[in-house]
Amino acid sequence: MNQPYPTPEIEPEIPSVTPTSQPTIRAVRRAAGRLRVAVVGGSLTGPTVALLLLRAGFDDVTVYEATPASAPQGGGLIGLEHSSLDILDQLGMPQNEFVAHDSQTVTHITVRHRRPAATRRHLYAGRNTTWTLLHTALTRRLPTGVLHTGKRVTGMTAVQGRPVLHLADGDTARADLVVFADGRTSIGRRLLDPHRRLRYAGYVAHRGQTTATQPGLRDFLRFEPSPHRGMQFNLAPIPGGVDWTFYLPATTGQYSDLFGAPPSRRVFALPHHVTAAARHAVDAHAGQHLPDEQAALVHATGTRMAAPVMDIDPPTRMQWPIGDGHALLLGDALAPVRPHTARGANNGIEQAAGLAAVLTQHRKYGADLAAALDGWQRRHLPAAVAAVQAGPALARQFGLGTA
């Protein structure tokens, strides 16, 4: 269910994390004992971290987002489990602000000869939202001056015992703690854990949102064409229309032909990357394998995107010392997961809440910061590893990425 919003493409050269001589640093001086936190990434996990820390009494928190404020942004469906929903509740975010349809039903429909042949249902332990609704609800709560857009981080060094972020525009920012929550193309992961690189899984999530509607649609529908395994079509209502994702196999060469670059470089195919050939291929598959009603929704969709499904080696750590400070990876920056797990946003939100808890113990009661972060890592790392490992297993059940 999880579909992150577009981020800048990879792959720049991997910079090093090294001490440096004293550069000119634009930073607000802090009183003794205050923890200065820089959050890299302004999608979902980053604003959640910032809001939780601000709520806990930390008043020196800055979020750096690479995408300019003027850039068009949007995203697909996101499933939030009850644990994540409760964390958002604690931030004063009523569910009706970001959950438009409160159905918990997931309906699996086997399709044969373009007709529904069998149906089964289960209840999802949570609610569905969209990236746009959730991002809007989070960022509108950030105090003025916390979120800085168009600020792309390019490197990190240690100066006078503290991490220093280097930005593409020449600015630098000093912090005591750097939280990288900058998605699956994370600069933080390339800096801190460079040997863990994304690998293409062999199929693509073609995505679209359309104002065309399917009358009576309230639930999340999953269509599984049979015997044509290796594809899946997901459909759900969103405000003003429907959101769909069509998983289809593609070789690396086919992806390059459809979107102008290989999956390792174009980890998000934005609307202007979607060629006429890509559109025709998706329309053709819809016409060959989906019922008429769902195929019509695909054909009616103008603006489309795509994301190659990627894997990564499971993480072995979440936090690193940088001088006397620390740098962390959260959410997709730590471990991008396949969308079938519905754990991308949930992992990030839960890790953010756990981080806020241990930092609060440090601030209020003097808990050793390094030990607190180690405890946070031991608590949340196994869940991140499990989600990475679950993705390929779930995909095999659906016949995805096995061609």
Protein backbone atom coordinates (compact mmCIF):
# COMPACT_ATOMS: atom_id res chain seq x y z
CA MET A 1 0.00 0.00 0.00
CA ASN A 2 2.81 2.40 0.79
CA GLN A 3 3.81 4.66 -2.07
CA PRO A 4 6.32 7.38 -1.27
CA TYR A 5 6.28 10.71 -3.04
CA PRO A 6 8.85 11.65 -5.69
CA THR A 7 12.33 12.57 -4.58
CA PRO A 8 15.39 13.63 -6.57
CA GLU A 9 16.96 10.89 -8.63
CA ILE A 10 20.13 9.02 -7.76
CA GLU A 11 23.07 8.44 -8.01
CA PRO A 12 25.50 11.22 -7.12
CA GLU A 13 29.02 10.41 -6.09
CA ILE A 14 29.15 9.13 -2.54
CA PRO A 15 30.77 11.81 -0.36
CA SER A 16 32.79 10.91 2.69
CA VAL A 17 32.05 11.50 6.34
CA THR A 18 35.31 12.97 7.59
CA PRO A 19 36.53 15.68 9.94
CA THR A 20 37.39 18.92 8.26
CA SER A 21 38.97 22.25 8.97
CA GLN A 22 36.72 24.96 10.30
CA PRO A 23 34.27 26.16 7.62
CA THR A 24 31.91 29.08 7.90
CA ILE A 25 28.87 27.66 9.64
CA ARG A 26 25.48 29.30 9.76
CA ALA A 27 24.00 28.05 12.98
CA VAL A 28 22.12 29.48 15.91
CA ARG A 29 24.16 29.40 19.09
CA ARG A 30 22.63 27.17 21.70
CA ALA A 31 22.55 27.31 25.45
CA ALA A 32 24.53 24.68 27.33
CA GLY A 33 22.67 21.40 27.64
CA ARG A 34 20.35 21.95 24.67
CA LEU A 35 20.27 19.24 22.01
CA ARG A 36 20.41 20.65 18.51
CA VAL A 37 18.63 18.29 16.07
CA ALA A 38 18.82 18.43 12.27
CA VAL A 39 16.24 16.31 10.46
CA VAL A 40 16.97 15.54 6.81
CA GLY A 41 13.81 14.78 4.83
CA GLY A 42 10.45 16.52 4.82
CA SER A 43 8.12 13.78 3.55
CA LEU A 44 6.37 11.87 6.36
CA THR A 45 8.90 10.47 8.84
CA GLY A 46 10.90 13.71 9.03
CA PRO A 47 7.98 15.96 10.01
CA THR A 48 6.77 13.25 12.42
CA VAL A 49 10.17 13.23 14.17
CA ALA A 50 10.20 17.02 14.35
CA LEU A 51 6.68 17.27 15.76
CA LEU A 52 7.31 14.58 18.36
CA LEU A 53 10.51 16.29 19.52
CA LEU A 54 8.90 19.72 19.63
CA ARG A 55 6.02 18.27 21.63
CA ALA A 56 8.55 16.71 24.04
CA GLY A 57 10.13 20.11 24.72
CA PHE A 58 13.05 20.19 22.28
CA ASP A 59 13.14 23.67 20.82
CA ASP A 60 16.13 23.49 18.46
CA VAL A 61 14.81 21.25 15.67
CA THR A 62 15.24 22.02 11.96
CA VAL A 63 13.96 20.01 8.98
CA TYR A 64 15.84 20.16 5.66
CA GLU A 65 13.91 19.04 2.57
CA ALA A 66 15.58 18.81 -0.84
CA THR A 67 12.43 19.39 -2.88
CA PRO A 68 11.55 23.06 -3.43
CA ALA A 69 8.25 24.21 -1.98
CA SER A 70 7.05 25.03 -5.49
CA ALA A 71 7.66 21.51 -6.83
CA PRO A 72 4.51 19.49 -7.60
CA GLN A 73 4.22 16.67 -5.09
CA GLY A 74 1.78 13.84 -4.70
CA GLY A 75 1.70 10.23 -3.71
CA GLY A 76 -0.28 7.07 -3.59
CA LEU A 77 -2.11 5.11 -0.97
CA ILE A 78 -0.54 4.51 2.45
CA GLY A 79 -1.69 1.99 5.03
CA LEU A 80 -1.29 3.07 8.66
CA GLU A 81 -1.51 0.49 11.43
CA HIS A 82 -3.10 1.29 14.78
CA SER A 83 0.27 1.85 16.45
CA SER A 84 1.06 4.61 13.95
CA LEU A 85 -2.44 6.05 14.15
CA ASP A 86 -2.10 6.30 17.94
CA ILE A 87 1.19 8.19 17.59
CA LEU A 88 -0.50 10.66 15.24
CA ASP A 89 -3.37 10.91 17.75
CA GLN A 90 -0.84 12.00 20.36
CA LEU A 91 0.24 14.80 18.01
CA GLY A 92 -3.34 16.11 18.00
CA MET A 93 -4.15 14.91 14.48
CA PRO A 94 -7.76 13.70 14.31
CA GLN A 95 -8.16 10.80 11.90
CA ASN A 96 -10.87 12.49 9.88
CA GLU A 97 -8.26 15.04 8.83
CA PHE A 98 -6.26 12.48 6.84
CA VAL A 99 -8.48 9.38 6.57
CA ALA A 100 -11.21 9.98 4.01
CA HIS A 101 -12.71 6.46 4.03
CA ASP A 102 -12.76 4.46 7.25
CA SER A 103 -13.26 1.01 5.72
CA GLN A 104 -10.82 -1.63 6.97
CA THR A 105 -11.84 -4.25 4.42
CA VAL A 106 -9.34 -5.57 1.89
CA THR A 107 -11.08 -7.51 -0.88
CA HIS A 108 -9.01 -9.96 -2.95
CA ILE A 109 -10.54 -10.70 -6.34
CA THR A 110 -9.24 -13.46 -8.59
CA VAL A 111 -9.79 -12.53 -12.24
CA ARG A 112 -10.15 -15.10 -15.02
CA HIS A 113 -10.82 -14.13 -18.61
CA ARG A 114 -11.26 -10.54 -17.41
CA ARG A 115 -14.10 -11.48 -15.06
CA PRO A 116 -14.15 -11.76 -11.27
CA ALA A 117 -13.99 -15.49 -10.47
CA ALA A 118 -13.45 -15.68 -6.70
CA THR A 119 -13.52 -13.22 -3.82
CA ARG A 120 -12.14 -13.31 -0.30
CA ARG A 121 -11.92 -10.58 2.33
CA HIS A 122 -9.91 -9.73 5.38
CA LEU A 123 -9.73 -6.74 7.70
CA TYR A 124 -6.68 -4.50 7.73
CA ALA A 125 -5.61 -3.57 11.26
CA GLY A 126 -5.50 0.13 10.52
CA ARG A 127 -6.71 2.76 8.08
CA ASN A 128 -5.74 3.95 4.61
CA THR A 129 -4.66 7.47 3.78
CA THR A 130 -2.75 9.12 0.96
CA TRP A 131 0.66 10.73 1.02
CA THR A 132 -0.89 14.10 0.15
CA LEU A 133 -3.43 14.05 2.99
CA LEU A 134 -0.95 12.88 5.61
CA HIS A 135 1.87 15.17 4.49
CA THR A 136 -0.46 18.18 4.56
CA ALA A 137 -1.72 17.29 8.05
CA LEU A 138 1.84 16.91 9.38
CA THR A 139 3.51 19.92 7.80
CA ARG A 140 0.73 22.36 8.64
CA ARG A 141 1.55 21.70 12.31
CA LEU A 142 5.24 22.55 12.00
CA PRO A 143 5.97 25.99 13.49
CA THR A 144 7.18 28.65 11.09
CA GLY A 145 10.90 28.40 10.48
CA VAL A 146 11.27 24.69 11.25
CA LEU A 147 10.89 23.34 7.70
CA HIS A 148 13.41 24.55 5.09
CA THR A 149 12.57 23.43 1.55
CA GLY A 150 14.94 23.37 -1.41
CA LYS A 151 17.81 22.48 0.96
CA ARG A 152 19.54 19.41 -0.46
CA VAL A 153 22.18 17.81 1.76
CA THR A 154 25.28 16.70 -0.12
CA GLY A 155 27.67 15.65 2.65
CA MET A 156 28.46 15.55 6.35
CA THR A 157 31.66 16.17 8.29
CA ALA A 158 32.68 16.43 11.92
CA VAL A 159 33.82 19.85 13.10
CA GLN A 160 34.84 20.56 16.70
CA GLY A 161 33.31 17.26 17.75
CA ARG A 162 29.89 17.82 16.17
CA PRO A 163 28.24 16.77 12.88
CA VAL A 164 28.05 19.43 10.18
CA LEU A 165 25.73 19.07 7.19
CA HIS A 166 26.84 20.48 3.84
CA LEU A 167 24.10 21.72 1.52
CA ALA A 168 24.03 22.03 -2.26
CA ASP A 169 23.59 25.80 -2.06
CA GLY A 170 26.85 26.18 -0.11
CA ASP A 171 25.28 26.53 3.32
CA THR A 172 26.29 24.39 6.26
CA ALA A 173 24.40 23.46 9.41
CA ARG A 174 25.82 22.20 12.69
CA ALA A 175 23.92 19.82 14.95
CA ASP A 176 24.40 17.46 17.88
CA LEU A 177 22.10 14.85 16.37
CA VAL A 178 21.36 14.34 12.66
CA VAL A 179 18.27 12.31 11.79
CA PHE A 180 18.21 11.13 8.20
CA ALA A 181 14.61 10.45 7.19
CA ASP A 182 15.11 11.18 3.52
CA GLY A 183 13.53 8.17 1.84
CA ARG A 184 14.79 5.29 -0.22
CA THR A 185 17.30 7.41 -2.17
CA SER A 186 18.72 8.63 1.15
CA ILE A 187 21.94 10.64 1.09
CA GLY A 188 22.27 9.61 4.75
CA ARG A 189 22.40 5.93 3.87
CA ARG A 190 24.97 6.60 1.15
CA LEU A 191 27.08 8.50 3.69
CA LEU A 192 26.74 6.20 6.68
CA ASP A 193 26.13 2.75 5.18
CA PRO A 194 27.37 2.97 1.58
CA HIS A 195 27.64 -0.76 0.91
CA ARG A 196 23.88 -1.23 1.17
CA ARG A 197 22.66 -0.30 -2.30
CA LEU A 198 19.22 -0.68 -3.86
CA ARG A 199 18.59 -3.70 -6.13
CA TYR A 200 15.83 -3.96 -8.70
CA ALA A 201 13.29 -6.71 -7.93
CA GLY A 202 12.06 -7.23 -11.50
CA TYR A 203 8.68 -5.50 -11.51
CA VAL A 204 7.25 -2.01 -11.54
CA ALA A 205 4.51 -0.22 -9.59
CA HIS A 206 2.67 1.79 -12.24
CA ARG A 207 0.58 4.39 -10.46
CA GLY A 208 -2.25 6.73 -11.21
CA GLN A 209 -4.98 8.83 -9.65
CA THR A 210 -8.09 9.77 -11.57
CA THR A 211 -11.28 11.69 -10.88
CA ALA A 212 -13.15 8.93 -12.68
CA THR A 213 -14.98 6.91 -10.05
CA GLN A 214 -16.18 3.38 -9.45
CA PRO A 215 -19.69 3.73 -7.95
CA GLY A 216 -20.00 2.33 -4.44
CA LEU A 217 -16.25 1.87 -3.96
CA ARG A 218 -15.30 2.13 -0.29
CA ASP A 219 -12.85 -0.72 0.27
CA PHE A 220 -9.33 -1.50 -0.83
CA LEU A 221 -9.58 -3.90 -3.80
CA ARG A 222 -6.80 -6.21 -4.97
CA PHE A 223 -7.26 -7.84 -8.38
CA GLU A 224 -5.08 -10.86 -9.16
CA PRO A 225 -5.33 -12.02 -12.79
CA SER A 226 -5.12 -15.80 -13.13
CA PRO A 227 -3.52 -17.82 -14.67
CA HIS A 228 -1.51 -14.71 -15.70
CA ARG A 229 0.57 -14.60 -12.52
CA GLY A 230 3.18 -11.91 -12.10
CA MET A 231 0.81 -8.95 -12.04
CA GLN A 232 -1.54 -7.34 -9.56
CA PHE A 233 -3.91 -4.37 -9.64
CA ASN A 234 -4.79 -2.44 -6.46
CA LEU A 235 -7.59 0.10 -6.30
CA ALA A 236 -8.90 2.31 -3.50
CA PRO A 237 -11.07 5.42 -3.13
CA ILE A 238 -9.43 8.74 -2.36
CA PRO A 239 -10.98 12.20 -2.04
CA GLY A 240 -12.28 13.18 -5.46
CA GLY A 241 -11.56 9.93 -7.26
CA VAL A 242 -9.62 6.69 -7.07
CA ASP A 243 -5.99 5.66 -6.66
CA TRP A 244 -4.62 2.64 -8.49
CA THR A 245 -1.35 0.72 -8.63
CA PHE A 246 -0.69 -1.85 -11.35
CA TYR A 247 2.27 -4.14 -10.66
CA LEU A 248 3.73 -5.48 -13.89
CA PRO A 249 6.97 -7.35 -14.66
CA ALA A 250 9.75 -5.64 -16.60
CA THR A 251 13.39 -6.37 -17.23
CA THR A 252 15.97 -3.68 -16.56
CA GLY A 253 16.19 -3.04 -20.29
CA GLN A 254 12.42 -2.77 -20.66
CA TYR A 255 12.27 -0.31 -17.77
CA SER A 256 14.98 1.80 -19.39
CA ASP A 257 13.08 1.80 -22.69
CA LEU A 258 9.83 2.86 -21.01
CA PHE A 259 11.23 5.52 -18.65
CA GLY A 260 14.54 6.66 -20.12
CA ALA A 261 16.94 5.31 -17.49
CA PRO A 262 17.59 2.05 -15.60
CA PRO A 263 15.85 1.41 -12.26
CA SER A 264 19.01 2.13 -10.27
CA ARG A 265 19.01 5.67 -11.62
CA ARG A 266 15.33 6.41 -12.03
CA VAL A 267 13.90 5.11 -8.80
CA PHE A 268 10.83 7.28 -9.41
CA ALA A 269 9.50 7.84 -12.90
CA LEU A 270 7.75 11.21 -12.67
CA PRO A 271 4.95 12.14 -15.07
CA HIS A 272 7.33 13.69 -17.60
CA HIS A 273 9.34 10.43 -17.66
CA VAL A 274 6.30 8.33 -18.58
CA THR A 275 6.63 7.82 -22.33
CA ALA A 276 3.83 7.09 -24.76
CA ALA A 277 5.20 3.54 -24.94
CA ALA A 278 4.91 3.17 -21.16
CA ARG A 279 1.35 4.44 -21.20
CA HIS A 280 0.45 2.11 -24.07
CA ALA A 281 2.00 -0.90 -22.30
CA VAL A 282 -0.02 -0.31 -19.13
CA ASP A 283 -3.23 0.32 -21.06
CA ALA A 284 -2.67 -2.86 -23.06
CA HIS A 285 -2.18 -4.98 -19.94
CA ALA A 286 -5.27 -3.45 -18.37
CA GLY A 287 -7.30 -4.24 -21.48
CA GLN A 288 -6.02 -7.80 -21.62
CA HIS A 289 -6.26 -8.80 -17.96
CA LEU A 290 -8.60 -6.54 -15.95
CA PRO A 291 -12.40 -6.37 -15.89
CA ASP A 292 -13.87 -3.66 -18.10
CA GLU A 293 -14.67 -1.32 -15.20
CA GLN A 294 -11.11 -1.31 -13.84
CA ALA A 295 -9.52 -1.17 -17.29
CA ALA A 296 -11.64 1.92 -18.02
CA LEU A 297 -10.26 3.64 -14.90
CA VAL A 298 -6.71 3.02 -16.08
CA HIS A 299 -7.47 4.30 -19.58
CA ALA A 300 -9.10 7.44 -18.11
CA THR A 301 -6.03 8.36 -16.07
CA GLY A 302 -4.04 11.22 -17.56
CA THR A 303 -1.14 11.89 -15.18
CA ARG A 304 0.81 8.77 -14.26
CA MET A 305 3.95 7.78 -12.43
CA ALA A 306 5.92 4.61 -11.84
CA ALA A 307 8.37 3.21 -9.32
CA PRO A 308 10.56 0.17 -9.81
CA VAL A 309 10.22 -2.16 -6.84
CA MET A 310 13.59 -2.33 -5.10
CA ASP A 311 15.26 -4.49 -2.46
CA ILE A 312 18.18 -3.85 -0.15
CA ASP A 313 20.27 -5.89 2.28
CA PRO A 314 18.81 -5.83 5.80
CA PRO A 315 20.36 -3.13 8.01
CA THR A 316 22.75 -4.07 10.78
CA ARG A 317 22.63 -0.74 12.61
CA MET A 318 20.61 2.50 12.79
CA GLN A 319 22.97 4.95 14.53
CA TRP A 320 26.57 6.11 14.07
CA PRO A 321 28.85 8.36 16.14
CA ILE A 322 29.96 11.51 14.31
CA GLY A 323 32.62 13.10 16.49
CA ASP A 324 30.92 13.51 19.86
CA GLY A 325 27.53 13.70 18.13
CA HIS A 326 25.38 11.13 16.40
CA ALA A 327 23.68 10.42 13.06
CA LEU A 328 20.68 8.13 12.60
CA LEU A 329 18.74 6.48 9.78
CA LEU A 330 14.95 6.15 10.03
CA GLY A 331 12.17 4.78 7.84
CA ASP A 332 12.95 4.23 4.17
CA ALA A 333 16.32 5.93 4.65
CA LEU A 334 17.24 2.98 6.86
CA ALA A 335 15.53 0.20 4.95
CA PRO A 336 13.19 0.68 1.99
CA VAL A 337 10.63 -2.12 1.95
CA ARG A 338 8.43 -3.52 -0.79
CA PRO A 339 5.04 -1.82 -0.86
CA HIS A 340 3.18 -5.11 -0.20
CA THR A 341 4.44 -5.08 3.38
CA ALA A 342 2.57 -1.83 4.15
CA ARG A 343 5.39 -1.14 6.60
CA GLY A 344 7.26 1.78 5.04
CA ALA A 345 5.40 4.63 6.72
CA ASN A 346 4.63 2.55 9.81
CA ASN A 347 8.28 1.73 10.45
CA GLY A 348 9.27 5.38 10.15
CA ILE A 349 6.53 6.66 12.46
CA GLU A 350 7.16 4.01 15.11
CA GLN A 351 10.93 4.59 15.00
CA ALA A 352 10.31 8.33 15.35
CA ALA A 353 8.17 7.81 18.43
CA GLY A 354 10.76 5.51 19.99
CA LEU A 355 13.47 8.07 19.30
CA ALA A 356 11.44 10.86 20.91
CA ALA A 357 10.98 8.68 24.00
CA VAL A 358 14.69 7.97 24.55
CA LEU A 359 15.70 11.56 23.79
CA THR A 360 13.16 12.72 26.36
CA GLN A 361 14.79 10.47 28.96
CA HIS A 362 18.12 12.05 28.03
CA ARG A 363 16.79 15.60 28.30
CA LYS A 364 14.67 15.24 31.44
CA TYR A 365 16.66 12.79 33.49
CA GLY A 366 20.19 12.93 32.14
CA ALA A 367 20.17 9.46 30.61
CA ASP A 368 23.40 8.79 28.73
CA LEU A 369 22.70 9.71 25.11
CA ALA A 370 24.85 7.03 23.49
CA ALA A 371 23.33 4.32 25.66
CA ALA A 372 19.83 5.63 25.00
CA LEU A 373 20.36 5.54 21.23
CA ASP A 374 21.81 2.04 21.49
CA GLY A 375 18.68 0.93 23.33
CA TRP A 376 16.48 2.57 20.69
CA GLN A 377 18.42 0.72 17.98
CA ARG A 378 18.08 -2.65 19.74
CA ARG A 379 14.34 -2.09 20.08
CA HIS A 380 13.58 -1.06 16.48
CA LEU A 381 16.22 -2.71 14.31
CA PRO A 382 14.65 -6.21 14.38
CA ALA A 383 11.35 -4.88 13.06
CA ALA A 384 13.13 -3.10 10.21
CA VAL A 385 15.04 -6.28 9.31
CA ALA A 386 11.83 -8.34 9.42
CA ALA A 387 10.07 -5.92 7.05
CA VAL A 388 12.92 -6.07 4.53
CA GLN A 389 12.84 -9.86 4.61
CA ALA A 390 9.04 -10.05 4.39
CA GLY A 391 8.84 -8.13 1.11
CA PRO A 392 10.23 -10.80 -1.24
CA ALA A 393 8.28 -13.53 0.57
CA LEU A 394 4.99 -11.68 0.11
CA ALA A 395 5.80 -10.92 -3.50
CA ARG A 396 6.40 -14.61 -4.19
CA GLN A 397 2.93 -15.38 -2.83
CA PHE A 398 1.50 -12.94 -5.36
CA GLY A 399 3.76 -14.23 -8.14
CA LEU A 400 5.49 -10.86 -8.44
CA GLY A 401 9.10 -10.51 -9.47
CA THR A 402 9.48 -14.22 -10.15
CA ALA A 403 9.71 -14.10 -13.93
